[in-house]
Full PDB file with SEQRES, HELIX, SHEET, SSBOND, CRYST1, ORIGX, SCALE, CONECT and MASTER records, all heavy atoms in Angstrom:
SEQRES   1 A   33  SER ILE ALA GLU ILE ARG ARG SER PRO GLU PHE LEU GLU          
SEQRES   2 A   33  PHE PHE PHE LEU GLN ASP LEU ARG ALA ALA GLN ARG LEU          
SEQRES   3 A   33  THR CYS THR GLY MET TYR ARG                                  
HELIX    1 AA1 ALA A    3  ARG A    6  1                                   4    
HELIX    2 AA2 PRO A    9  CYS A   28  1                                  20    
CRYST1    1.000    1.000    1.000  90.00  90.00  90.00 P 1           1          
ORIGX1      1.000000  0.000000  0.000000        0.00000                         
ORIGX2      0.000000  1.000000  0.000000        0.00000                         
ORIGX3      0.000000  0.000000  1.000000        0.00000                         
SCALE1      1.000000  0.000000  0.000000        0.00000                         
SCALE2      0.000000  1.000000  0.000000        0.00000                         
SCALE3      0.000000  0.000000  1.000000        0.00000                         
ATOM      1  N   SER A   1     106.850  34.202  32.042  1.00  0.00           N  
ATOM      2  CA  SER A   1     107.108  32.894  31.451  1.00  0.00           C  
ATOM      3  C   SER A   1     107.225  31.785  32.497  1.00  0.00           C  
ATOM      4  O   SER A   1     107.162  30.611  32.161  1.00  0.00           O  
ATOM      5  CB  SER A   1     108.380  32.942  30.598  1.00  0.00           C  
ATOM      6  OG  SER A   1     109.529  33.044  31.422  1.00  0.00           O  
ATOM      7  N   ILE A   2     107.371  32.127  33.751  1.00  0.00           N  
ATOM      8  CA  ILE A   2     107.477  31.139  34.829  1.00  0.00           C  
ATOM      9  C   ILE A   2     106.084  30.942  35.415  1.00  0.00           C  
ATOM     10  O   ILE A   2     105.518  31.852  36.033  1.00  0.00           O  
ATOM     11  CB  ILE A   2     108.478  31.608  35.905  1.00  0.00           C  
ATOM     12  CG1 ILE A   2     109.850  31.856  35.274  1.00  0.00           C  
ATOM     13  CG2 ILE A   2     108.562  30.606  37.046  1.00  0.00           C  
ATOM     14  CD1 ILE A   2     110.833  32.574  36.173  1.00  0.00           C  
ATOM     15  N   ALA A   3     105.524  29.742  35.236  1.00  0.00           N  
ATOM     16  CA  ALA A   3     104.128  29.486  35.600  1.00  0.00           C  
ATOM     17  C   ALA A   3     103.833  29.790  37.066  1.00  0.00           C  
ATOM     18  O   ALA A   3     102.792  30.371  37.387  1.00  0.00           O  
ATOM     19  CB  ALA A   3     103.767  28.042  35.283  1.00  0.00           C  
ATOM     20  N   GLU A   4     104.719  29.399  37.972  1.00  0.00           N  
ATOM     21  CA  GLU A   4     104.480  29.621  39.401  1.00  0.00           C  
ATOM     22  C   GLU A   4     104.379  31.113  39.723  1.00  0.00           C  
ATOM     23  O   GLU A   4     103.568  31.527  40.546  1.00  0.00           O  
ATOM     24  CB  GLU A   4     105.591  28.997  40.266  1.00  0.00           C  
ATOM     25  CG  GLU A   4     105.666  27.489  40.176  1.00  0.00           C  
ATOM     26  CD  GLU A   4     106.423  27.010  38.937  1.00  0.00           C  
ATOM     27  OE1 GLU A   4     107.290  27.741  38.412  1.00  0.00           O  
ATOM     28  OE2 GLU A   4     106.120  25.900  38.470  1.00  0.00           O  
ATOM     29  N   ILE A   5     105.187  31.900  39.064  1.00  0.00           N  
ATOM     30  CA  ILE A   5     105.151  33.352  39.290  1.00  0.00           C  
ATOM     31  C   ILE A   5     103.931  33.946  38.599  1.00  0.00           C  
ATOM     32  O   ILE A   5     103.214  34.759  39.180  1.00  0.00           O  
ATOM     33  CB  ILE A   5     106.450  34.016  38.803  1.00  0.00           C  
ATOM     34  CG1 ILE A   5     107.622  33.564  39.677  1.00  0.00           C  
ATOM     35  CG2 ILE A   5     106.321  35.536  38.815  1.00  0.00           C  
ATOM     36  CD1 ILE A   5     108.969  34.053  39.213  1.00  0.00           C  
ATOM     37  N   ARG A   6     103.692  33.524  37.370  1.00  0.00           N  
ATOM     38  CA  ARG A   6     102.584  34.065  36.587  1.00  0.00           C  
ATOM     39  C   ARG A   6     101.249  33.876  37.297  1.00  0.00           C  
ATOM     40  O   ARG A   6     100.365  34.717  37.214  1.00  0.00           O  
ATOM     41  CB  ARG A   6     102.543  33.398  35.211  1.00  0.00           C  
ATOM     42  CG  ARG A   6     101.467  33.918  34.298  1.00  0.00           C  
ATOM     43  CD  ARG A   6     101.479  33.290  32.916  1.00  0.00           C  
ATOM     44  NE  ARG A   6     101.357  31.855  32.925  1.00  0.00           N  
ATOM     45  CZ  ARG A   6     102.303  31.001  32.523  1.00  0.00           C  
ATOM     46  NH1 ARG A   6     103.451  31.444  32.056  1.00  0.00           N  
ATOM     47  NH2 ARG A   6     102.108  29.704  32.561  1.00  0.00           N  
ATOM     48  N   ARG A   7     101.089  32.776  38.011  1.00  0.00           N  
ATOM     49  CA  ARG A   7      99.830  32.487  38.701  1.00  0.00           C  
ATOM     50  C   ARG A   7      99.789  33.003  40.130  1.00  0.00           C  
ATOM     51  O   ARG A   7      98.755  32.915  40.778  1.00  0.00           O  
ATOM     52  CB  ARG A   7      99.591  30.979  38.710  1.00  0.00           C  
ATOM     53  CG  ARG A   7      99.348  30.422  37.343  1.00  0.00           C  
ATOM     54  CD  ARG A   7      98.976  28.952  37.408  1.00  0.00           C  
ATOM     55  NE  ARG A   7      99.073  28.355  36.109  1.00  0.00           N  
ATOM     56  CZ  ARG A   7      99.949  27.401  35.784  1.00  0.00           C  
ATOM     57  NH1 ARG A   7     100.776  26.925  36.669  1.00  0.00           N  
ATOM     58  NH2 ARG A   7      99.972  26.923  34.564  1.00  0.00           N  
ATOM     59  N   SER A   8     100.885  33.517  40.626  1.00  0.00           N  
ATOM     60  CA  SER A   8     100.910  33.939  42.031  1.00  0.00           C  
ATOM     61  C   SER A   8     100.072  35.197  42.242  1.00  0.00           C  
ATOM     62  O   SER A   8     100.076  36.111  41.409  1.00  0.00           O  
ATOM     63  CB  SER A   8     102.348  34.191  42.493  1.00  0.00           C  
ATOM     64  OG  SER A   8     102.826  35.412  41.982  1.00  0.00           O  
ATOM     65  N   PRO A   9      99.336  35.237  43.347  1.00  0.00           N  
ATOM     66  CA  PRO A   9      98.507  36.415  43.627  1.00  0.00           C  
ATOM     67  C   PRO A   9      99.323  37.708  43.701  1.00  0.00           C  
ATOM     68  O   PRO A   9      98.869  38.753  43.255  1.00  0.00           O  
ATOM     69  CB  PRO A   9      97.878  36.103  44.987  1.00  0.00           C  
ATOM     70  CG  PRO A   9      97.976  34.633  45.148  1.00  0.00           C  
ATOM     71  CD  PRO A   9      99.175  34.195  44.359  1.00  0.00           C  
ATOM     72  N   GLU A  10     100.522  37.625  44.217  1.00  0.00           N  
ATOM     73  CA  GLU A  10     101.355  38.827  44.338  1.00  0.00           C  
ATOM     74  C   GLU A  10     101.696  39.406  42.965  1.00  0.00           C  
ATOM     75  O   GLU A  10     101.632  40.616  42.762  1.00  0.00           O  
ATOM     76  CB  GLU A  10     102.652  38.515  45.102  1.00  0.00           C  
ATOM     77  CG  GLU A  10     102.453  38.108  46.533  1.00  0.00           C  
ATOM     78  CD  GLU A  10     102.107  36.627  46.710  1.00  0.00           C  
ATOM     79  OE1 GLU A  10     102.129  35.858  45.730  1.00  0.00           O  
ATOM     80  OE2 GLU A  10     101.787  36.249  47.852  1.00  0.00           O  
ATOM     81  N   PHE A  11     102.044  38.553  42.041  1.00  0.00           N  
ATOM     82  CA  PHE A  11     102.383  39.008  40.693  1.00  0.00           C  
ATOM     83  C   PHE A  11     101.164  39.631  40.011  1.00  0.00           C  
ATOM     84  O   PHE A  11     101.234  40.721  39.461  1.00  0.00           O  
ATOM     85  CB  PHE A  11     102.912  37.838  39.858  1.00  0.00           C  
ATOM     86  CG  PHE A  11     103.275  38.198  38.440  1.00  0.00           C  
ATOM     87  CD1 PHE A  11     104.449  38.866  38.162  1.00  0.00           C  
ATOM     88  CD2 PHE A  11     102.444  37.854  37.387  1.00  0.00           C  
ATOM     89  CE1 PHE A  11     104.790  39.196  36.852  1.00  0.00           C  
ATOM     90  CE2 PHE A  11     102.776  38.171  36.081  1.00  0.00           C  
ATOM     91  CZ  PHE A  11     103.956  38.846  35.818  1.00  0.00           C  
ATOM     92  N   LEU A  12     100.044  38.918  40.088  1.00  0.00           N  
ATOM     93  CA  LEU A  12      98.834  39.408  39.429  1.00  0.00           C  
ATOM     94  C   LEU A  12      98.338  40.706  40.051  1.00  0.00           C  
ATOM     95  O   LEU A  12      97.971  41.645  39.350  1.00  0.00           O  
ATOM     96  CB  LEU A  12      97.748  38.339  39.501  1.00  0.00           C  
ATOM     97  CG  LEU A  12      98.061  37.054  38.747  1.00  0.00           C  
ATOM     98  CD1 LEU A  12      97.017  36.003  39.033  1.00  0.00           C  
ATOM     99  CD2 LEU A  12      98.173  37.324  37.262  1.00  0.00           C  
ATOM    100  N   GLU A  13      98.336  40.750  41.350  1.00  0.00           N  
ATOM    101  CA  GLU A  13      97.809  41.929  42.020  1.00  0.00           C  
ATOM    102  C   GLU A  13      98.719  43.140  41.854  1.00  0.00           C  
ATOM    103  O   GLU A  13      98.267  44.272  41.957  1.00  0.00           O  
ATOM    104  CB  GLU A  13      97.528  41.612  43.477  1.00  0.00           C  
ATOM    105  CG  GLU A  13      96.335  40.665  43.587  1.00  0.00           C  
ATOM    106  CD  GLU A  13      95.999  40.249  44.996  1.00  0.00           C  
ATOM    107  OE1 GLU A  13      96.732  40.620  45.936  1.00  0.00           O  
ATOM    108  OE2 GLU A  13      94.989  39.554  45.155  1.00  0.00           O  
ATOM    109  N   PHE A  14      99.995  42.905  41.569  1.00  0.00           N  
ATOM    110  CA  PHE A  14     100.906  44.017  41.279  1.00  0.00           C  
ATOM    111  C   PHE A  14     100.356  44.841  40.120  1.00  0.00           C  
ATOM    112  O   PHE A  14     100.464  46.062  40.096  1.00  0.00           O  
ATOM    113  CB  PHE A  14     102.298  43.473  40.935  1.00  0.00           C  
ATOM    114  CG  PHE A  14     103.222  44.491  40.330  1.00  0.00           C  
ATOM    115  CD1 PHE A  14     103.872  45.415  41.124  1.00  0.00           C  
ATOM    116  CD2 PHE A  14     103.432  44.528  38.960  1.00  0.00           C  
ATOM    117  CE1 PHE A  14     104.728  46.352  40.564  1.00  0.00           C  
ATOM    118  CE2 PHE A  14     104.280  45.465  38.389  1.00  0.00           C  
ATOM    119  CZ  PHE A  14     104.934  46.378  39.197  1.00  0.00           C  
ATOM    120  N   PHE A  15      99.730  44.148  39.163  1.00  0.00           N  
ATOM    121  CA  PHE A  15      99.265  44.820  37.959  1.00  0.00           C  
ATOM    122  C   PHE A  15      97.906  45.496  38.105  1.00  0.00           C  
ATOM    123  O   PHE A  15      97.659  46.512  37.471  1.00  0.00           O  
ATOM    124  CB  PHE A  15      99.211  43.841  36.778  1.00  0.00           C  
ATOM    125  CG  PHE A  15     100.568  43.433  36.316  1.00  0.00           C  
ATOM    126  CD1 PHE A  15     101.118  42.236  36.706  1.00  0.00           C  
ATOM    127  CD2 PHE A  15     101.307  44.274  35.504  1.00  0.00           C  
ATOM    128  CE1 PHE A  15     102.379  41.868  36.288  1.00  0.00           C  
ATOM    129  CE2 PHE A  15     102.578  43.916  35.077  1.00  0.00           C  
ATOM    130  CZ  PHE A  15     103.115  42.709  35.482  1.00  0.00           C  
ATOM    131  N   PHE A  16      97.013  44.926  38.921  1.00  0.00           N  
ATOM    132  CA  PHE A  16      95.670  45.486  38.891  1.00  0.00           C  
ATOM    133  C   PHE A  16      95.006  45.719  40.247  1.00  0.00           C  
ATOM    134  O   PHE A  16      93.936  46.334  40.299  1.00  0.00           O  
ATOM    135  CB  PHE A  16      94.740  44.637  38.019  1.00  0.00           C  
ATOM    136  CG  PHE A  16      94.625  43.201  38.434  1.00  0.00           C  
ATOM    137  CD1 PHE A  16      93.761  42.819  39.429  1.00  0.00           C  
ATOM    138  CD2 PHE A  16      95.370  42.233  37.799  1.00  0.00           C  
ATOM    139  CE1 PHE A  16      93.644  41.488  39.798  1.00  0.00           C  
ATOM    140  CE2 PHE A  16      95.270  40.905  38.150  1.00  0.00           C  
ATOM    141  CZ  PHE A  16      94.400  40.538  39.163  1.00  0.00           C  
ATOM    142  N   LEU A  17      95.592  45.296  41.359  1.00  0.00           N  
ATOM    143  CA  LEU A  17      94.929  45.485  42.649  1.00  0.00           C  
ATOM    144  C   LEU A  17      94.751  46.962  42.995  1.00  0.00           C  
ATOM    145  O   LEU A  17      93.714  47.367  43.512  1.00  0.00           O  
ATOM    146  CB  LEU A  17      95.682  44.759  43.767  1.00  0.00           C  
ATOM    147  CG  LEU A  17      94.985  44.802  45.127  1.00  0.00           C  
ATOM    148  CD1 LEU A  17      93.606  44.149  45.055  1.00  0.00           C  
ATOM    149  CD2 LEU A  17      95.833  44.124  46.187  1.00  0.00           C  
ATOM    150  N   GLN A  18      95.737  47.771  42.681  1.00  0.00           N  
ATOM    151  CA  GLN A  18      95.635  49.202  42.966  1.00  0.00           C  
ATOM    152  C   GLN A  18      94.466  49.820  42.190  1.00  0.00           C  
ATOM    153  O   GLN A  18      93.723  50.644  42.723  1.00  0.00           O  
ATOM    154  CB  GLN A  18      96.943  49.904  42.622  1.00  0.00           C  
ATOM    155  CG  GLN A  18      96.984  51.341  43.065  1.00  0.00           C  
ATOM    156  CD  GLN A  18      98.359  51.956  42.844  1.00  0.00           C  
ATOM    157  OE1 GLN A  18      99.310  51.301  42.455  1.00  0.00           O  
ATOM    158  NE2 GLN A  18      98.457  53.231  43.110  1.00  0.00           N  
ATOM    159  N   ASP A  19      94.283  49.404  40.943  1.00  0.00           N  
ATOM    160  CA  ASP A  19      93.144  49.894  40.158  1.00  0.00           C  
ATOM    161  C   ASP A  19      91.824  49.448  40.767  1.00  0.00           C  
ATOM    162  O   ASP A  19      90.864  50.222  40.828  1.00  0.00           O  
ATOM    163  CB  ASP A  19      93.218  49.387  38.714  1.00  0.00           C  
ATOM    164  CG  ASP A  19      94.119  50.232  37.836  1.00  0.00           C  
ATOM    165  OD1 ASP A  19      94.471  51.359  38.241  1.00  0.00           O  
ATOM    166  OD2 ASP A  19      94.458  49.770  36.737  1.00  0.00           O  
ATOM    167  N   LEU A  20      91.764  48.199  41.237  1.00  0.00           N  
ATOM    168  CA  LEU A  20      90.529  47.713  41.845  1.00  0.00           C  
ATOM    169  C   LEU A  20      90.179  48.512  43.096  1.00  0.00           C  
ATOM    170  O   LEU A  20      89.024  48.877  43.307  1.00  0.00           O  
ATOM    171  CB  LEU A  20      90.639  46.228  42.187  1.00  0.00           C  
ATOM    172  CG  LEU A  20      90.746  45.251  41.023  1.00  0.00           C  
ATOM    173  CD1 LEU A  20      90.840  43.823  41.532  1.00  0.00           C  
ATOM    174  CD2 LEU A  20      89.579  45.400  40.072  1.00  0.00           C  
ATOM    175  N   ARG A  21      91.173  48.779  43.914  1.00  0.00           N  
ATOM    176  CA  ARG A  21      90.931  49.571  45.131  1.00  0.00           C  
ATOM    177  C   ARG A  21      90.447  50.974  44.786  1.00  0.00           C  
ATOM    178  O   ARG A  21      89.500  51.483  45.390  1.00  0.00           O  
ATOM    179  CB  ARG A  21      92.196  49.656  45.970  1.00  0.00           C  
ATOM    180  CG  ARG A  21      92.537  48.383  46.682  1.00  0.00           C  
ATOM    181  CD  ARG A  21      93.777  48.570  47.530  1.00  0.00           C  
ATOM    182  NE  ARG A  21      94.142  47.320  48.174  1.00  0.00           N  
ATOM    183  CZ  ARG A  21      95.380  46.887  48.301  1.00  0.00           C  
ATOM    184  NH1 ARG A  21      96.397  47.595  47.862  1.00  0.00           N  
ATOM    185  NH2 ARG A  21      95.622  45.742  48.903  1.00  0.00           N  
ATOM    186  N   ALA A  22      91.109  51.604  43.822  1.00  0.00           N  
ATOM    187  CA  ALA A  22      90.715  52.964  43.419  1.00  0.00           C  
ATOM    188  C   ALA A  22      89.308  52.957  42.836  1.00  0.00           C  
ATOM    189  O   ALA A  22      88.491  53.840  43.153  1.00  0.00           O  
ATOM    190  CB  ALA A  22      91.720  53.521  42.415  1.00  0.00           C  
ATOM    191  N   ALA A  23      89.004  51.983  42.000  1.00  0.00           N  
ATOM    192  CA  ALA A  23      87.678  51.900  41.385  1.00  0.00           C  
ATOM    193  C   ALA A  23      86.605  51.681  42.446  1.00  0.00           C  
ATOM    194  O   ALA A  23      85.531  52.293  42.388  1.00  0.00           O  
ATOM    195  CB  ALA A  23      87.652  50.773  40.353  1.00  0.00           C  
ATOM    196  N   GLN A  24      86.891  50.832  43.405  1.00  0.00           N  
ATOM    197  CA  GLN A  24      85.936  50.590  44.480  1.00  0.00           C  
ATOM    198  C   GLN A  24      85.686  51.863  45.286  1.00  0.00           C  
ATOM    199  O   GLN A  24      84.544  52.200  45.592  1.00  0.00           O  
ATOM    200  CB  GLN A  24      86.447  49.471  45.393  1.00  0.00           C  
ATOM    201  CG  GLN A  24      85.458  49.057  46.462  1.00  0.00           C  
ATOM    202  CD  GLN A  24      86.027  47.991  47.380  1.00  0.00           C  
ATOM    203  OE1 GLN A  24      87.187  48.067  47.782  1.00  0.00           O  
ATOM    204  NE2 GLN A  24      85.216  46.994  47.702  1.00  0.00           N  
ATOM    205  N   ARG A  25      86.750  52.576  45.596  1.00  0.00           N  
ATOM    206  CA  ARG A  25      86.628  53.838  46.344  1.00  0.00           C  
ATOM    207  C   ARG A  25      85.778  54.849  45.559  1.00  0.00           C  
ATOM    208  O   ARG A  25      84.891  55.497  46.112  1.00  0.00           O  
ATOM    209  CB  ARG A  25      88.031  54.393  46.607  1.00  0.00           C  
ATOM    210  CG  ARG A  25      88.238  55.020  47.919  1.00  0.00           C  
ATOM    211  CD  ARG A  25      89.683  55.430  48.243  1.00  0.00           C  
ATOM    212  NE  ARG A  25      90.652  55.449  47.170  1.00  0.00           N  
ATOM    213  CZ  ARG A  25      91.556  54.492  46.936  1.00  0.00           C  
ATOM    214  NH1 ARG A  25      91.617  53.432  47.692  1.00  0.00           N  
ATOM    215  NH2 ARG A  25      92.407  54.616  45.941  1.00  0.00           N  
ATOM    216  N   LEU A  26      86.058  54.985  44.273  1.00  0.00           N  
ATOM    217  CA  LEU A  26      85.297  55.905  43.437  1.00  0.00           C  
ATOM    218  C   LEU A  26      83.826  55.498  43.341  1.00  0.00           C  
ATOM    219  O   LEU A  26      82.935  56.354  43.365  1.00  0.00           O  
ATOM    220  CB  LEU A  26      85.915  55.990  42.042  1.00  0.00           C  
ATOM    221  CG  LEU A  26      87.277  56.686  41.950  1.00  0.00           C  
ATOM    222  CD1 LEU A  26      87.945  56.389  40.615  1.00  0.00           C  
ATOM    223  CD2 LEU A  26      87.117  58.184  42.155  1.00  0.00           C  
ATOM    224  N   THR A  27      83.580  54.220  43.245  1.00  0.00           N  
ATOM    225  CA  THR A  27      82.203  53.727  43.180  1.00  0.00           C  
ATOM    226  C   THR A  27      81.467  54.028  44.476  1.00  0.00           C  
ATOM    227  O   THR A  27      80.317  54.470  44.462  1.00  0.00           O  
ATOM    228  CB  THR A  27      82.181  52.212  42.882  1.00  0.00           C  
ATOM    229  OG1 THR A  27      82.902  51.961  41.676  1.00  0.00           O  
ATOM    230  CG2 THR A  27      80.760  51.693  42.737  1.00  0.00           C  
ATOM    231  N   CYS A  28      82.134  53.810  45.598  1.00  0.00           N  
ATOM    232  CA  CYS A  28      81.523  54.064  46.913  1.00  0.00           C  
ATOM    233  C   CYS A  28      81.160  55.536  47.100  1.00  0.00           C  
ATOM    234  O   CYS A  28      80.216  55.850  47.811  1.00  0.00           O  
ATOM    235  CB  CYS A  28      82.463  53.630  48.038  1.00  0.00           C  
ATOM    236  SG  CYS A  28      82.630  51.854  48.193  1.00  0.00           S  
ATOM    237  N   THR A  29      81.910  56.410  46.467  1.00  0.00           N  
ATOM    238  CA  THR A  29      81.648  57.842  46.618  1.00  0.00           C  
ATOM    239  C   THR A  29      80.752  58.387  45.504  1.00  0.00           C  
ATOM    240  O   THR A  29      80.523  59.591  45.436  1.00  0.00           O  
ATOM    241  CB  THR A  29      82.965  58.642  46.657  1.00  0.00           C  
ATOM    242  OG1 THR A  29      83.709  58.400  45.465  1.00  0.00           O  
ATOM    243  CG2 THR A  29      83.798  58.269  47.868  1.00  0.00           C  
ATOM    244  N   GLY A  30      80.250  57.505  44.639  1.00  0.00           N  
ATOM    245  CA  GLY A  30      79.314  57.927  43.601  1.00  0.00           C  
ATOM    246  C   GLY A  30      79.955  58.578  42.392  1.00  0.00           C  
ATOM    247  O   GLY A  30      79.257  59.175  41.573  1.00  0.00           O  
ATOM    248  N   MET A  31      81.262  58.424  42.232  1.00  0.00           N  
ATOM    249  CA  MET A  31      81.961  58.994  41.075  1.00  0.00           C  
ATOM    250  C   MET A  31      82.045  57.925  39.986  1.00  0.00           C  
ATOM    251  O   MET A  31      83.110  57.411  39.670  1.00  0.00           O  
ATOM    252  CB  MET A  31      83.340  59.499  41.500  1.00  0.00           C  
ATOM    253  CG  MET A  31      83.252  60.589  42.562  1.00  0.00           C  
ATOM    254  SD  MET A  31      84.860  61.140  43.122  1.00  0.00           S  
ATOM    255  CE  MET A  31      85.369  62.076  41.695  1.00  0.00           C  
ATOM    256  N   TYR A  32      80.889  57.615  39.414  1.00  0.00           N  
ATOM    257  CA  TYR A  32      80.758  56.461  38.530  1.00  0.00           C  
ATOM    258  C   TYR A  32      81.519  56.594  37.222  1.00  0.00           C  
ATOM    259  O   TYR A  32      82.061  55.611  36.723  1.00  0.00           O  
ATOM    260  CB  TYR A  32      79.280  56.168  38.261  1.00  0.00           C  
ATOM    261  CG  TYR A  32      78.529  55.890  39.530  1.00  0.00           C  
ATOM    262  CD1 TYR A  32      77.565  56.768  40.000  1.00  0.00           C  
ATOM    263  CD2 TYR A  32      78.810  54.754  40.286  1.00  0.00           C  
ATOM    264  CE1 TYR A  32      76.882  56.511  41.181  1.00  0.00           C  
ATOM    265  CE2 TYR A  32      78.136  54.492  41.471  1.00  0.00           C  
ATOM    266  CZ  TYR A  32      77.178  55.380  41.914  1.00  0.00           C  
ATOM    267  OH  TYR A  32      76.516  55.127  43.090  1.00  0.00           O  
ATOM    268  N   ARG A  33      81.575  57.763  36.634  1.00  0.00           N  
ATOM    269  CA  ARG A  33      82.291  57.942  35.372  1.00  0.00           C  
ATOM    270  C   ARG A  33      83.782  57.650  35.575  1.00  0.00           C  
ATOM    271  O   ARG A  33      84.400  56.931  34.801  1.00  0.00           O  
ATOM    272  CB  ARG A  33      82.076  59.366  34.846  1.00  0.00           C  
ATOM    273  CG  ARG A  33      82.752  59.678  33.544  1.00  0.00           C  
ATOM    274  CD  ARG A  33      82.187  59.032  32.313  1.00  0.00           C  
ATOM    275  NE  ARG A  33      80.767  59.272  32.117  1.00  0.00           N  
ATOM    276  CZ  ARG A  33      79.975  58.469  31.412  1.00  0.00           C  
ATOM    277  NH1 ARG A  33      80.463  57.410  30.821  1.00  0.00           N  
ATOM    278  NH2 ARG A  33      78.699  58.720  31.275  1.00  0.00           N  
TER     279      ARG A  33                                                      
MASTER        0    0    0    2    0    0    0    6  278    1    0    3          
END                                                                             
């Protein structure tokens, strides 16, 4: 509910950066499914 926090990269990346890193790693190794 706090706009400054809601838009902060740290807050947003808390939710999905780990998934992006894992997905990128899997893609690089050809594990597409």
